């Protein structure tokens, strides 16, 4: 069964952040969402403690 073609109806940006543990990757991501939310009310600000969703990160306190 073939998949339907996905039609993207709004602008988007994918950002990848690479770095060592405790070097500010999550803080940088939170700062980016804060700046974007000031410029576009449709963008929702996400605090740094809500960004990491992986169970391993939550369990071990990795951010």
PDB file of N, CA and C in Angstrom:
ATOM      1  N   UNK A   1       0.847  -1.178   0.000  1.00  0.00           N
ATOM      2  CA  UNK A   1       0.000   0.000   0.000  1.00  0.00           C
ATOM      3  C   UNK A   1       0.896   1.246   0.000  1.00  0.00           C
ATOM      4  N   UNK A   2       0.688   2.129  -0.934  1.00  0.00           N
ATOM      5  CA  UNK A   2       1.507   3.328  -1.063  1.00  0.00           C
ATOM      6  C   UNK A   2       1.098   4.384  -0.046  1.00  0.00           C
ATOM      7  N   UNK A   3       2.106   5.106   0.439  1.00  0.00           N
ATOM      8  CA  UNK A   3       1.830   6.208   1.361  1.00  0.00           C
ATOM      9  C   UNK A   3       1.340   7.419   0.583  1.00  0.00           C
ATOM     10  N   UNK A   4       0.516   8.222   1.251  1.00  0.00           N
ATOM     11  CA  UNK A   4       0.099   9.482   0.643  1.00  0.00           C
ATOM     12  C   UNK A   4       1.276  10.444   0.645  1.00  0.00           C
ATOM     13  N   UNK A   5       1.323  11.305  -0.358  1.00  0.00           N
ATOM     14  CA  UNK A   5       2.368  12.316  -0.398  1.00  0.00           C
ATOM     15  C   UNK A   5       2.079  13.362   0.665  1.00  0.00           C
ATOM     16  N   UNK A   6       3.089  13.646   1.492  1.00  0.00           N
ATOM     17  CA  UNK A   6       2.928  14.622   2.564  1.00  0.00           C
ATOM     18  C   UNK A   6       3.064  16.023   1.994  1.00  0.00           C
ATOM     19  N   UNK A   7       2.078  16.852   2.219  1.00  0.00           N
ATOM     20  CA  UNK A   7       2.098  18.243   1.772  1.00  0.00           C
ATOM     21  C   UNK A   7       2.376  19.137   2.970  1.00  0.00           C
ATOM     22  N   UNK A   8       3.509  19.810   2.955  1.00  0.00           N
ATOM     23  CA  UNK A   8       3.848  20.723   4.047  1.00  0.00           C
ATOM     24  C   UNK A   8       3.139  22.042   3.786  1.00  0.00           C
ATOM     25  N   UNK A   9       2.296  22.458   4.743  1.00  0.00           N
ATOM     26  CA  UNK A   9       1.471  23.644   4.531  1.00  0.00           C
ATOM     27  C   UNK A   9       1.971  24.875   5.277  1.00  0.00           C
ATOM     28  N   UNK A  10       3.062  24.732   6.020  1.00  0.00           N
ATOM     29  CA  UNK A  10       3.593  25.891   6.737  1.00  0.00           C
ATOM     30  C   UNK A  10       5.120  25.849   6.707  1.00  0.00           C
ATOM     31  N   UNK A  11       5.769  27.002   6.829  1.00  0.00           N
ATOM     32  CA  UNK A  11       7.236  27.030   6.832  1.00  0.00           C
ATOM     33  C   UNK A  11       7.779  26.270   8.040  1.00  0.00           C
ATOM     34  N   UNK A  12       8.936  25.669   7.874  1.00  0.00           N
ATOM     35  CA  UNK A  12       9.554  24.950   8.979  1.00  0.00           C
ATOM     36  C   UNK A  12      11.070  25.010   8.847  1.00  0.00           C
ATOM     37  N   UNK A  13      11.731  24.742   9.966  1.00  0.00           N
ATOM     38  CA  UNK A  13      13.185  24.683   9.997  1.00  0.00           C
ATOM     39  C   UNK A  13      13.575  23.512  10.888  1.00  0.00           C
ATOM     40  N   UNK A  14      14.445  22.659  10.404  1.00  0.00           N
ATOM     41  CA  UNK A  14      15.009  21.595  11.227  1.00  0.00           C
ATOM     42  C   UNK A  14      16.407  22.026  11.641  1.00  0.00           C
ATOM     43  N   UNK A  15      16.685  21.952  12.934  1.00  0.00           N
ATOM     44  CA  UNK A  15      17.987  22.360  13.453  1.00  0.00           C
ATOM     45  C   UNK A  15      18.573  21.201  14.242  1.00  0.00           C
ATOM     46  N   UNK A  16      19.811  20.868  13.973  1.00  0.00           N
ATOM     47  CA  UNK A  16      20.523  19.848  14.742  1.00  0.00           C
ATOM     48  C   UNK A  16      21.638  20.509  15.533  1.00  0.00           C
ATOM     49  N   UNK A  17      21.799  20.089  16.776  1.00  0.00           N
ATOM     50  CA  UNK A  17      22.840  20.652  17.630  1.00  0.00           C
ATOM     51  C   UNK A  17      23.715  19.513  18.128  1.00  0.00           C
ATOM     52  N   UNK A  18      25.005  19.618  17.899  1.00  0.00           N
ATOM     53  CA  UNK A  18      25.948  18.583  18.318  1.00  0.00           C
ATOM     54  C   UNK A  18      26.921  19.199  19.311  1.00  0.00           C
ATOM     55  N   UNK A  19      27.199  18.489  20.390  1.00  0.00           N
ATOM     56  CA  UNK A  19      28.164  18.974  21.367  1.00  0.00           C
ATOM     57  C   UNK A  19      28.326  17.995  22.508  1.00  0.00           C
ATOM     58  N   UNK A  20      29.292  18.263  23.346  1.00  0.00           N
ATOM     59  CA  UNK A  20      29.561  17.418  24.503  1.00  0.00           C
ATOM     60  C   UNK A  20      28.507  17.628  25.581  1.00  0.00           C
ATOM     61  N   UNK A  21      28.454  16.699  26.532  1.00  0.00           N
ATOM     62  CA  UNK A  21      27.526  16.799  27.664  1.00  0.00           C
ATOM     63  C   UNK A  21      27.817  18.083  28.436  1.00  0.00           C
ATOM     64  N   UNK A  22      26.752  18.753  28.864  1.00  0.00           N
ATOM     65  CA  UNK A  22      26.836  19.973  29.677  1.00  0.00           C
ATOM     66  C   UNK A  22      27.577  21.119  28.988  1.00  0.00           C
ATOM     67  N   UNK A  23      27.380  21.255  27.684  1.00  0.00           N
ATOM     68  CA  UNK A  23      27.982  22.377  26.967  1.00  0.00           C
ATOM     69  C   UNK A  23      26.948  23.331  26.380  1.00  0.00           C
ATOM     70  N   UNK A  24      25.684  23.230  26.832  1.00  0.00           N
ATOM     71  CA  UNK A  24      24.693  24.238  26.489  1.00  0.00           C
ATOM     72  C   UNK A  24      23.811  23.964  25.290  1.00  0.00           C
ATOM     73  N   UNK A  25      23.754  22.731  24.816  1.00  0.00           N
ATOM     74  CA  UNK A  25      22.914  22.435  23.646  1.00  0.00           C
ATOM     75  C   UNK A  25      21.441  22.700  23.935  1.00  0.00           C
ATOM     76  N   UNK A  26      20.960  22.220  25.069  1.00  0.00           N
ATOM     77  CA  UNK A  26      19.554  22.404  25.422  1.00  0.00           C
ATOM     78  C   UNK A  26      19.265  23.868  25.716  1.00  0.00           C
ATOM     79  N   UNK A  27      20.174  24.542  26.383  1.00  0.00           N
ATOM     80  CA  UNK A  27      20.003  25.964  26.673  1.00  0.00           C
ATOM     81  C   UNK A  27      19.955  26.768  25.380  1.00  0.00           C
ATOM     82  N   UNK A  28      20.795  26.415  24.421  1.00  0.00           N
ATOM     83  CA  UNK A  28      20.783  27.082  23.117  1.00  0.00           C
ATOM     84  C   UNK A  28      19.449  26.865  22.409  1.00  0.00           C
ATOM     85  N   UNK A  29      18.942  25.640  22.450  1.00  0.00           N
ATOM     86  CA  UNK A  29      17.658  25.340  21.820  1.00  0.00           C
ATOM     87  C   UNK A  29      16.539  26.147  22.464  1.00  0.00           C
ATOM     88  N   UNK A  30      16.547  26.252  23.792  1.00  0.00           N
ATOM     89  CA  UNK A  30      15.540  27.052  24.496  1.00  0.00           C
ATOM     90  C   UNK A  30      15.652  28.524  24.099  1.00  0.00           C
ATOM     91  N   UNK A  31      16.875  29.021  23.983  1.00  0.00           N
ATOM     92  CA  UNK A  31      17.075  30.418  23.594  1.00  0.00           C
ATOM     93  C   UNK A  31      16.572  30.670  22.172  1.00  0.00           C
ATOM     94  N   UNK A  32      16.802  29.721  21.279  1.00  0.00           N
ATOM     95  CA  UNK A  32      16.315  29.867  19.902  1.00  0.00           C
ATOM     96  C   UNK A  32      14.796  29.942  19.886  1.00  0.00           C
ATOM     97  N   UNK A  33      14.121  29.057  20.642  1.00  0.00           N
ATOM     98  CA  UNK A  33      12.657  29.094  20.656  1.00  0.00           C
ATOM     99  C   UNK A  33      12.144  30.379  21.292  1.00  0.00           C
ATOM    100  N   UNK A  34      12.884  30.918  22.263  1.00  0.00           N
ATOM    101  CA  UNK A  34      12.452  32.172  22.894  1.00  0.00           C
ATOM    102  C   UNK A  34      12.515  33.329  21.893  1.00  0.00           C
ATOM    103  N   UNK A  35      13.611  33.424  21.163  1.00  0.00           N
ATOM    104  CA  UNK A  35      13.762  34.493  20.170  1.00  0.00           C
ATOM    105  C   UNK A  35      12.716  34.343  19.065  1.00  0.00           C
ATOM    106  N   UNK A  36      12.526  33.122  18.580  1.00  0.00           N
ATOM    107  CA  UNK A  36      11.538  32.903  17.522  1.00  0.00           C
ATOM    108  C   UNK A  36      10.128  33.230  17.991  1.00  0.00           C
ATOM    109  N   UNK A  37       9.810  32.913  19.254  1.00  0.00           N
ATOM    110  CA  UNK A  37       8.460  33.192  19.764  1.00  0.00           C
ATOM    111  C   UNK A  37       8.200  34.690  19.887  1.00  0.00           C
ATOM    112  N   UNK A  38       9.250  35.485  20.082  1.00  0.00           N
ATOM    113  CA  UNK A  38       9.076  36.942  20.137  1.00  0.00           C
ATOM    114  C   UNK A  38       8.764  37.513  18.752  1.00  0.00           C
ATOM    115  N   UNK A  39       9.306  36.887  17.713  1.00  0.00           N
ATOM    116  CA  UNK A  39       9.108  37.367  16.345  1.00  0.00           C
ATOM    117  C   UNK A  39       7.857  36.801  15.686  1.00  0.00           C
ATOM    118  N   UNK A  40       7.399  35.658  16.175  1.00  0.00           N
ATOM    119  CA  UNK A  40       6.235  35.009  15.572  1.00  0.00           C
ATOM    120  C   UNK A  40       5.362  34.426  16.682  1.00  0.00           C
ATOM    121  N   UNK A  41       4.185  34.980  16.914  1.00  0.00           N
ATOM    122  CA  UNK A  41       3.331  34.512  18.007  1.00  0.00           C
ATOM    123  C   UNK A  41       2.860  33.064  17.847  1.00  0.00           C
ATOM    124  N   UNK A  42       2.987  32.492  16.653  1.00  0.00           N
ATOM    125  CA  UNK A  42       2.599  31.093  16.457  1.00  0.00           C
ATOM    126  C   UNK A  42       3.636  30.124  17.019  1.00  0.00           C
ATOM    127  N   UNK A  43       4.859  30.613  17.225  1.00  0.00           N
ATOM    128  CA  UNK A  43       5.925  29.767  17.762  1.00  0.00           C
ATOM    129  C   UNK A  43       5.804  29.729  19.273  1.00  0.00           C
ATOM    130  N   UNK A  44       5.831  28.532  19.825  1.00  0.00           N
ATOM    131  CA  UNK A  44       5.689  28.367  21.270  1.00  0.00           C
ATOM    132  C   UNK A  44       7.066  28.251  21.915  1.00  0.00           C
ATOM    133  N   UNK A  45       7.326  29.096  22.919  1.00  0.00           N
ATOM    134  CA  UNK A  45       8.572  29.022  23.675  1.00  0.00           C
ATOM    135  C   UNK A  45       8.598  27.738  24.482  1.00  0.00           C
ATOM    136  N   UNK A  46       9.737  27.062  24.500  1.00  0.00           N
ATOM    137  CA  UNK A  46       9.909  25.853  25.304  1.00  0.00           C
ATOM    138  C   UNK A  46      11.083  26.054  26.239  1.00  0.00           C
ATOM    139  N   UNK A  47      10.816  25.951  27.526  1.00  0.00           N
ATOM    140  CA  UNK A  47      11.877  26.070  28.524  1.00  0.00           C
ATOM    141  C   UNK A  47      12.824  24.877  28.406  1.00  0.00           C
ATOM    142  N   UNK A  48      14.054  25.053  28.869  1.00  0.00           N
ATOM    143  CA  UNK A  48      15.058  24.007  28.698  1.00  0.00           C
ATOM    144  C   UNK A  48      14.668  22.695  29.366  1.00  0.00           C
ATOM    145  N   UNK A  49      13.910  22.766  30.458  1.00  0.00           N
ATOM    146  CA  UNK A  49      13.561  21.532  31.169  1.00  0.00           C
ATOM    147  C   UNK A  49      12.400  20.778  30.522  1.00  0.00           C
ATOM    148  N   UNK A  50      11.837  21.300  29.446  1.00  0.00           N
ATOM    149  CA  UNK A  50      10.760  20.598  28.736  1.00  0.00           C
ATOM    150  C   UNK A  50      11.214  20.068  27.379  1.00  0.00           C
ATOM    151  N   UNK A  51      12.461  20.299  27.023  1.00  0.00           N
ATOM    152  CA  UNK A  51      12.940  19.929  25.689  1.00  0.00           C
ATOM    153  C   UNK A  51      13.366  18.464  25.613  1.00  0.00           C
ATOM    154  N   UNK A  52      14.090  17.979  26.606  1.00  0.00           N
ATOM    155  CA  UNK A  52      14.594  16.607  26.569  1.00  0.00           C
ATOM    156  C   UNK A  52      13.487  15.632  26.934  1.00  0.00           C
ATOM    157  N   UNK A  53      13.087  14.808  25.979  1.00  0.00           N
ATOM    158  CA  UNK A  53      11.964  13.900  26.184  1.00  0.00           C
ATOM    159  C   UNK A  53      12.353  12.434  26.290  1.00  0.00           C
ATOM    160  N   UNK A  54      13.572  12.084  25.939  1.00  0.00           N
ATOM    161  CA  UNK A  54      13.968  10.678  25.958  1.00  0.00           C
ATOM    162  C   UNK A  54      13.994  10.160  27.395  1.00  0.00           C
ATOM    163  N   UNK A  55      13.456   8.970  27.618  1.00  0.00           N
ATOM    164  CA  UNK A  55      13.441   8.415  28.982  1.00  0.00           C
ATOM    165  C   UNK A  55      14.833   8.310  29.602  1.00  0.00           C
ATOM    166  N   UNK A  56      15.847   7.980  28.782  1.00  0.00           N
ATOM    167  CA  UNK A  56      17.208   7.866  29.304  1.00  0.00           C
ATOM    168  C   UNK A  56      17.705   9.212  29.824  1.00  0.00           C
ATOM    169  N   UNK A  57      17.357  10.277  29.109  1.00  0.00           N
ATOM    170  CA  UNK A  57      17.776  11.611  29.531  1.00  0.00           C
ATOM    171  C   UNK A  57      17.106  11.996  30.837  1.00  0.00           C
ATOM    172  N   UNK A  58      15.827  11.724  30.960  1.00  0.00           N
ATOM    173  CA  UNK A  58      15.085  12.043  32.189  1.00  0.00           C
ATOM    174  C   UNK A  58      15.612  11.223  33.366  1.00  0.00           C
ATOM    175  N   UNK A  59      15.831   9.926  33.125  1.00  0.00           N
ATOM    176  CA  UNK A  59      16.258   9.020  34.188  1.00  0.00           C
ATOM    177  C   UNK A  59      17.641   9.377  34.714  1.00  0.00           C
ATOM    178  N   UNK A  60      18.558   9.686  33.818  1.00  0.00           N
ATOM    179  CA  UNK A  60      19.937   9.960  34.213  1.00  0.00           C
ATOM    180  C   UNK A  60      20.204  11.435  34.463  1.00  0.00           C
ATOM    181  N   UNK A  61      19.213  12.275  34.223  1.00  0.00           N
ATOM    182  CA  UNK A  61      19.408  13.703  34.437  1.00  0.00           C
ATOM    183  C   UNK A  61      20.232  14.350  33.351  1.00  0.00           C
ATOM    184  N   UNK A  62      20.302  13.700  32.193  1.00  0.00           N
ATOM    185  CA  UNK A  62      21.056  14.251  31.064  1.00  0.00           C
ATOM    186  C   UNK A  62      20.187  15.295  30.386  1.00  0.00           C
ATOM    187  N   UNK A  63      20.770  16.454  30.089  1.00  0.00           N
ATOM    188  CA  UNK A  63      20.005  17.498  29.402  1.00  0.00           C
ATOM    189  C   UNK A  63      20.679  17.851  28.105  1.00  0.00           C
TER     190      UNK A  63
END
